[in-house]
Amino acid sequence: MILIMRAILFTGGKQYNIKEGDALKVELLKTDGKKTVFDKVLMTFDEATGESKIGAPFLAGAKVEADVLEDGQGKKVTVVKYHAKTRYRRKIGHRQMYTKVKITKIA
């Protein structure tokens, strides 16, 4: 029987539904090494037993360990501002920074 733990993680102002082995892109993290620990866990769920724990708002003592795979920039988003009849035009590009992590352990 395979034990699968799921969790809802809060980081960078967003919530992620994750399980062990997932790779995801989160907002840029300031990490010193190759590993990071997330301590803002909203909920955990064990699929084998059906047991779930819900925090208010975060679970005390729950943490998610992850390996940092890479830092990078996302695809370019073009923003255009235009005002009619006033000769006002602006074209701006933006590339959001991200950190790609792989979830190794949910505890």
N, C-alpha and C. Protein backbone atom coordinates (compact mmCIF):
# COMPACT_ATOMS: atom_id res chain seq x y z
N MET A 1 0.84 -1.18 0.00
CA MET A 1 0.00 0.00 0.00
C MET A 1 0.89 1.25 0.00
N ILE A 2 0.62 2.16 -0.90
CA ILE A 2 1.40 3.39 -1.02
C ILE A 2 0.78 4.46 -0.14
N LEU A 3 1.61 5.08 0.69
CA LEU A 3 1.13 6.16 1.55
C LEU A 3 1.27 7.47 0.80
N ILE A 4 0.16 8.14 0.60
CA ILE A 4 0.18 9.43 -0.10
C ILE A 4 -0.35 10.49 0.84
N MET A 5 0.49 11.48 1.11
CA MET A 5 0.10 12.63 1.91
C MET A 5 -0.13 13.80 0.97
N ARG A 6 -1.20 14.50 1.18
CA ARG A 6 -1.49 15.73 0.44
C ARG A 6 -1.50 16.88 1.43
N ALA A 7 -1.24 18.08 0.94
CA ALA A 7 -1.26 19.26 1.78
C ALA A 7 -1.64 20.47 0.95
N ILE A 8 -2.15 21.47 1.63
CA ILE A 8 -2.39 22.77 1.00
C ILE A 8 -1.38 23.72 1.62
N LEU A 9 -0.52 24.26 0.77
CA LEU A 9 0.62 25.08 1.17
C LEU A 9 0.34 26.53 0.82
N PHE A 10 0.75 27.44 1.70
CA PHE A 10 0.58 28.88 1.46
C PHE A 10 1.96 29.51 1.34
N THR A 11 2.27 30.06 0.18
CA THR A 11 3.53 30.77 -0.02
C THR A 11 3.37 31.79 -1.15
N GLY A 12 3.98 32.92 -0.99
CA GLY A 12 3.93 33.95 -2.02
C GLY A 12 2.55 34.51 -2.28
N GLY A 13 1.66 34.46 -1.27
CA GLY A 13 0.32 34.98 -1.43
C GLY A 13 -0.61 34.05 -2.18
N LYS A 14 -0.16 32.82 -2.45
CA LYS A 14 -0.98 31.85 -3.19
C LYS A 14 -1.05 30.54 -2.41
N GLN A 15 -2.05 29.72 -2.74
CA GLN A 15 -2.23 28.42 -2.12
C GLN A 15 -2.00 27.34 -3.18
N TYR A 16 -1.29 26.28 -2.78
CA TYR A 16 -0.97 25.19 -3.69
C TYR A 16 -1.42 23.87 -3.09
N ASN A 17 -2.12 23.05 -3.87
CA ASN A 17 -2.53 21.71 -3.46
C ASN A 17 -1.42 20.77 -3.93
N ILE A 18 -0.67 20.18 -2.99
CA ILE A 18 0.53 19.44 -3.34
C ILE A 18 0.50 18.03 -2.77
N LYS A 19 1.36 17.16 -3.30
CA LYS A 19 1.63 15.85 -2.74
C LYS A 19 3.13 15.60 -2.89
N GLU A 20 3.63 14.58 -2.22
CA GLU A 20 5.06 14.28 -2.28
C GLU A 20 5.45 13.92 -3.71
N GLY A 21 6.56 14.48 -4.17
CA GLY A 21 7.05 14.23 -5.52
C GLY A 21 6.64 15.28 -6.53
N ASP A 22 5.75 16.19 -6.17
CA ASP A 22 5.32 17.25 -7.09
C ASP A 22 6.44 18.26 -7.31
N ALA A 23 6.52 18.79 -8.52
CA ALA A 23 7.41 19.91 -8.83
C ALA A 23 6.54 21.09 -9.21
N LEU A 24 6.78 22.25 -8.59
CA LEU A 24 5.96 23.41 -8.89
C LEU A 24 6.78 24.68 -8.84
N LYS A 25 6.27 25.69 -9.52
CA LYS A 25 6.91 27.00 -9.56
C LYS A 25 6.19 27.91 -8.57
N VAL A 26 6.95 28.48 -7.63
CA VAL A 26 6.40 29.40 -6.64
C VAL A 26 7.09 30.75 -6.81
N GLU A 27 6.56 31.76 -6.15
CA GLU A 27 7.19 33.07 -6.19
C GLU A 27 8.64 32.95 -5.72
N LEU A 28 9.50 33.82 -6.17
CA LEU A 28 10.93 33.76 -5.88
C LEU A 28 11.19 33.68 -4.38
N LEU A 29 12.00 32.68 -3.97
CA LEU A 29 12.36 32.48 -2.57
C LEU A 29 13.82 32.84 -2.36
N LYS A 30 14.13 33.38 -1.20
CA LYS A 30 15.51 33.66 -0.84
C LYS A 30 16.04 32.44 -0.07
N THR A 31 16.72 31.55 -0.78
CA THR A 31 17.25 30.34 -0.17
C THR A 31 18.76 30.36 -0.23
N ASP A 32 19.40 29.80 0.80
CA ASP A 32 20.85 29.75 0.86
C ASP A 32 21.40 28.50 0.20
N GLY A 33 20.65 27.41 0.27
CA GLY A 33 21.17 26.15 -0.24
C GLY A 33 20.26 25.50 -1.23
N LYS A 34 20.28 24.17 -1.22
CA LYS A 34 19.49 23.39 -2.16
C LYS A 34 18.17 22.92 -1.56
N LYS A 35 17.91 23.19 -0.29
CA LYS A 35 16.68 22.75 0.36
C LYS A 35 15.98 23.95 1.00
N THR A 36 14.66 23.82 1.14
CA THR A 36 13.88 24.84 1.82
C THR A 36 12.76 24.15 2.59
N VAL A 37 12.26 24.83 3.61
CA VAL A 37 11.18 24.30 4.44
C VAL A 37 10.06 25.32 4.47
N PHE A 38 8.84 24.87 4.16
CA PHE A 38 7.66 25.72 4.23
C PHE A 38 6.92 25.36 5.52
N ASP A 39 6.64 26.36 6.36
CA ASP A 39 5.95 26.10 7.62
C ASP A 39 4.51 26.60 7.63
N LYS A 40 4.09 27.26 6.57
CA LYS A 40 2.70 27.74 6.49
C LYS A 40 1.87 26.71 5.73
N VAL A 41 1.40 25.71 6.48
CA VAL A 41 0.58 24.64 5.91
C VAL A 41 -0.85 24.84 6.39
N LEU A 42 -1.79 24.94 5.47
CA LEU A 42 -3.18 25.19 5.80
C LEU A 42 -3.94 23.91 6.15
N MET A 43 -3.59 22.80 5.47
CA MET A 43 -4.33 21.56 5.66
C MET A 43 -3.47 20.38 5.22
N THR A 44 -3.62 19.24 5.89
CA THR A 44 -3.00 18.00 5.45
C THR A 44 -4.07 16.93 5.32
N PHE A 45 -3.83 15.97 4.41
CA PHE A 45 -4.78 14.89 4.19
C PHE A 45 -4.02 13.62 3.86
N ASP A 46 -4.29 12.55 4.60
CA ASP A 46 -3.68 11.25 4.36
C ASP A 46 -4.66 10.42 3.56
N GLU A 47 -4.31 10.10 2.30
CA GLU A 47 -5.22 9.36 1.43
C GLU A 47 -5.38 7.91 1.85
N ALA A 48 -4.41 7.34 2.56
CA ALA A 48 -4.50 5.94 2.96
C ALA A 48 -5.54 5.74 4.06
N THR A 49 -5.55 6.65 5.05
CA THR A 49 -6.47 6.50 6.18
C THR A 49 -7.69 7.41 6.08
N GLY A 50 -7.62 8.42 5.23
CA GLY A 50 -8.73 9.36 5.11
C GLY A 50 -8.72 10.42 6.19
N GLU A 51 -7.64 10.51 6.95
CA GLU A 51 -7.54 11.47 8.05
C GLU A 51 -7.10 12.84 7.51
N SER A 52 -7.78 13.89 7.96
CA SER A 52 -7.40 15.24 7.55
C SER A 52 -7.27 16.13 8.77
N LYS A 53 -6.37 17.11 8.65
CA LYS A 53 -6.17 18.10 9.71
C LYS A 53 -6.27 19.48 9.07
N ILE A 54 -7.08 20.34 9.69
CA ILE A 54 -7.31 21.67 9.16
C ILE A 54 -6.81 22.69 10.17
N GLY A 55 -6.04 23.66 9.73
CA GLY A 55 -5.49 24.69 10.60
C GLY A 55 -6.40 25.89 10.70
N ALA A 56 -6.08 26.76 11.66
CA ALA A 56 -6.86 27.98 11.85
C ALA A 56 -5.93 29.16 12.08
N PRO A 57 -5.33 29.80 11.12
CA PRO A 57 -5.32 29.44 9.70
C PRO A 57 -4.24 28.42 9.34
N PHE A 58 -3.16 28.28 10.16
CA PHE A 58 -2.09 27.35 9.83
C PHE A 58 -2.03 26.23 10.85
N LEU A 59 -1.53 25.07 10.43
CA LEU A 59 -1.35 23.94 11.33
C LEU A 59 -0.07 24.12 12.14
N ALA A 60 -0.18 23.94 13.47
CA ALA A 60 0.99 24.06 14.34
C ALA A 60 1.84 22.81 14.19
N GLY A 61 3.12 22.99 13.95
CA GLY A 61 4.04 21.87 13.84
C GLY A 61 4.10 21.20 12.49
N ALA A 62 3.26 21.57 11.57
CA ALA A 62 3.28 20.97 10.23
C ALA A 62 4.29 21.70 9.36
N LYS A 63 5.01 20.94 8.54
CA LYS A 63 5.97 21.56 7.64
C LYS A 63 6.10 20.73 6.38
N VAL A 64 6.56 21.37 5.33
CA VAL A 64 6.78 20.73 4.04
C VAL A 64 8.23 20.99 3.64
N GLU A 65 8.96 19.92 3.37
CA GLU A 65 10.35 20.04 2.95
C GLU A 65 10.42 19.90 1.43
N ALA A 66 11.30 20.70 0.81
CA ALA A 66 11.39 20.70 -0.65
C ALA A 66 12.83 20.93 -1.08
N ASP A 67 13.18 20.38 -2.23
CA ASP A 67 14.47 20.63 -2.86
C ASP A 67 14.30 21.76 -3.86
N VAL A 68 15.25 22.70 -3.87
CA VAL A 68 15.22 23.80 -4.83
C VAL A 68 15.87 23.32 -6.12
N LEU A 69 15.12 23.35 -7.22
CA LEU A 69 15.65 22.89 -8.50
C LEU A 69 16.29 24.02 -9.29
N GLU A 70 15.61 25.17 -9.38
CA GLU A 70 16.16 26.29 -10.14
C GLU A 70 15.43 27.58 -9.82
N ASP A 71 16.09 28.68 -10.12
CA ASP A 71 15.48 30.00 -10.10
C ASP A 71 15.41 30.47 -11.55
N GLY A 72 14.36 31.17 -11.90
CA GLY A 72 14.25 31.61 -13.28
C GLY A 72 13.21 32.71 -13.45
N GLN A 73 12.95 33.03 -14.73
CA GLN A 73 11.96 34.02 -15.08
C GLN A 73 10.89 33.36 -15.94
N GLY A 74 9.64 33.78 -15.73
CA GLY A 74 8.53 33.25 -16.50
C GLY A 74 8.48 33.86 -17.89
N LYS A 75 7.44 33.52 -18.63
CA LYS A 75 7.26 34.07 -19.97
C LYS A 75 6.93 35.55 -19.88
N LYS A 76 7.24 36.27 -20.95
CA LYS A 76 7.01 37.71 -20.98
C LYS A 76 5.53 38.02 -21.16
N VAL A 77 5.05 38.96 -20.34
CA VAL A 77 3.68 39.45 -20.43
C VAL A 77 3.76 40.89 -20.92
N THR A 78 3.02 41.20 -21.98
CA THR A 78 3.02 42.54 -22.54
C THR A 78 1.80 43.31 -22.05
N VAL A 79 2.04 44.51 -21.55
CA VAL A 79 0.96 45.39 -21.07
C VAL A 79 0.94 46.62 -21.95
N VAL A 80 -0.23 46.96 -22.47
CA VAL A 80 -0.38 48.13 -23.33
C VAL A 80 -1.36 49.08 -22.69
N LYS A 81 -0.96 50.35 -22.54
CA LYS A 81 -1.85 51.41 -22.04
C LYS A 81 -2.12 52.36 -23.20
N TYR A 82 -3.37 52.77 -23.34
CA TYR A 82 -3.75 53.63 -24.46
C TYR A 82 -4.89 54.53 -24.04
N HIS A 83 -4.75 55.82 -24.31
CA HIS A 83 -5.83 56.78 -24.09
C HIS A 83 -6.20 57.36 -25.46
N ALA A 84 -7.45 57.27 -25.81
CA ALA A 84 -7.90 57.75 -27.11
C ALA A 84 -7.83 59.27 -27.19
N LYS A 85 -7.48 59.77 -28.35
CA LYS A 85 -7.50 61.20 -28.69
C LYS A 85 -6.52 62.05 -27.89
N THR A 86 -5.54 61.46 -27.23
CA THR A 86 -4.59 62.25 -26.43
C THR A 86 -3.13 61.94 -26.76
N ARG A 87 -2.88 61.13 -27.78
CA ARG A 87 -1.53 60.73 -28.17
C ARG A 87 -0.77 60.04 -27.03
N TYR A 88 -1.48 59.26 -26.24
CA TYR A 88 -0.88 58.56 -25.11
C TYR A 88 -0.86 57.06 -25.40
N ARG A 89 0.34 56.50 -25.53
CA ARG A 89 0.51 55.06 -25.74
C ARG A 89 1.72 54.60 -24.95
N ARG A 90 1.59 53.50 -24.24
CA ARG A 90 2.71 52.91 -23.51
C ARG A 90 2.68 51.39 -23.71
N LYS A 91 3.83 50.81 -23.99
CA LYS A 91 3.95 49.37 -24.12
C LYS A 91 5.03 48.92 -23.13
N ILE A 92 4.64 48.04 -22.20
CA ILE A 92 5.53 47.62 -21.13
C ILE A 92 5.56 46.09 -21.10
N GLY A 93 6.71 45.52 -20.87
CA GLY A 93 6.84 44.07 -20.73
C GLY A 93 7.24 43.72 -19.31
N HIS A 94 6.85 42.52 -18.86
CA HIS A 94 7.18 42.07 -17.50
C HIS A 94 7.45 40.57 -17.52
N ARG A 95 8.51 40.14 -16.81
CA ARG A 95 8.81 38.72 -16.63
C ARG A 95 8.92 38.46 -15.13
N GLN A 96 8.02 37.64 -14.61
CA GLN A 96 7.96 37.35 -13.17
C GLN A 96 9.05 36.35 -12.79
N MET A 97 9.74 36.61 -11.68
CA MET A 97 10.77 35.70 -11.16
C MET A 97 10.09 34.56 -10.41
N TYR A 98 10.66 33.35 -10.50
CA TYR A 98 10.09 32.19 -9.80
C TYR A 98 11.21 31.29 -9.29
N THR A 99 10.84 30.41 -8.37
CA THR A 99 11.71 29.35 -7.88
C THR A 99 10.99 28.03 -8.12
N LYS A 100 11.66 27.09 -8.78
CA LYS A 100 11.07 25.78 -9.02
C LYS A 100 11.54 24.85 -7.91
N VAL A 101 10.57 24.21 -7.23
CA VAL A 101 10.87 23.32 -6.11
C VAL A 101 10.24 21.96 -6.35
N LYS A 102 10.83 20.91 -5.73
CA LYS A 102 10.27 19.57 -5.76
C LYS A 102 9.99 19.15 -4.32
N ILE A 103 8.74 18.79 -4.04
CA ILE A 103 8.32 18.42 -2.69
C ILE A 103 8.90 17.05 -2.35
N THR A 104 9.61 16.99 -1.21
CA THR A 104 10.23 15.73 -0.80
C THR A 104 9.52 15.09 0.40
N LYS A 105 9.01 15.90 1.31
CA LYS A 105 8.41 15.33 2.53
C LYS A 105 7.34 16.25 3.08
N ILE A 106 6.21 15.68 3.46
CA ILE A 106 5.13 16.41 4.15
C ILE A 106 5.02 15.81 5.53
N ALA A 107 5.24 16.66 6.55
CA ALA A 107 5.20 16.17 7.94
C ALA A 107 4.27 17.02 8.79
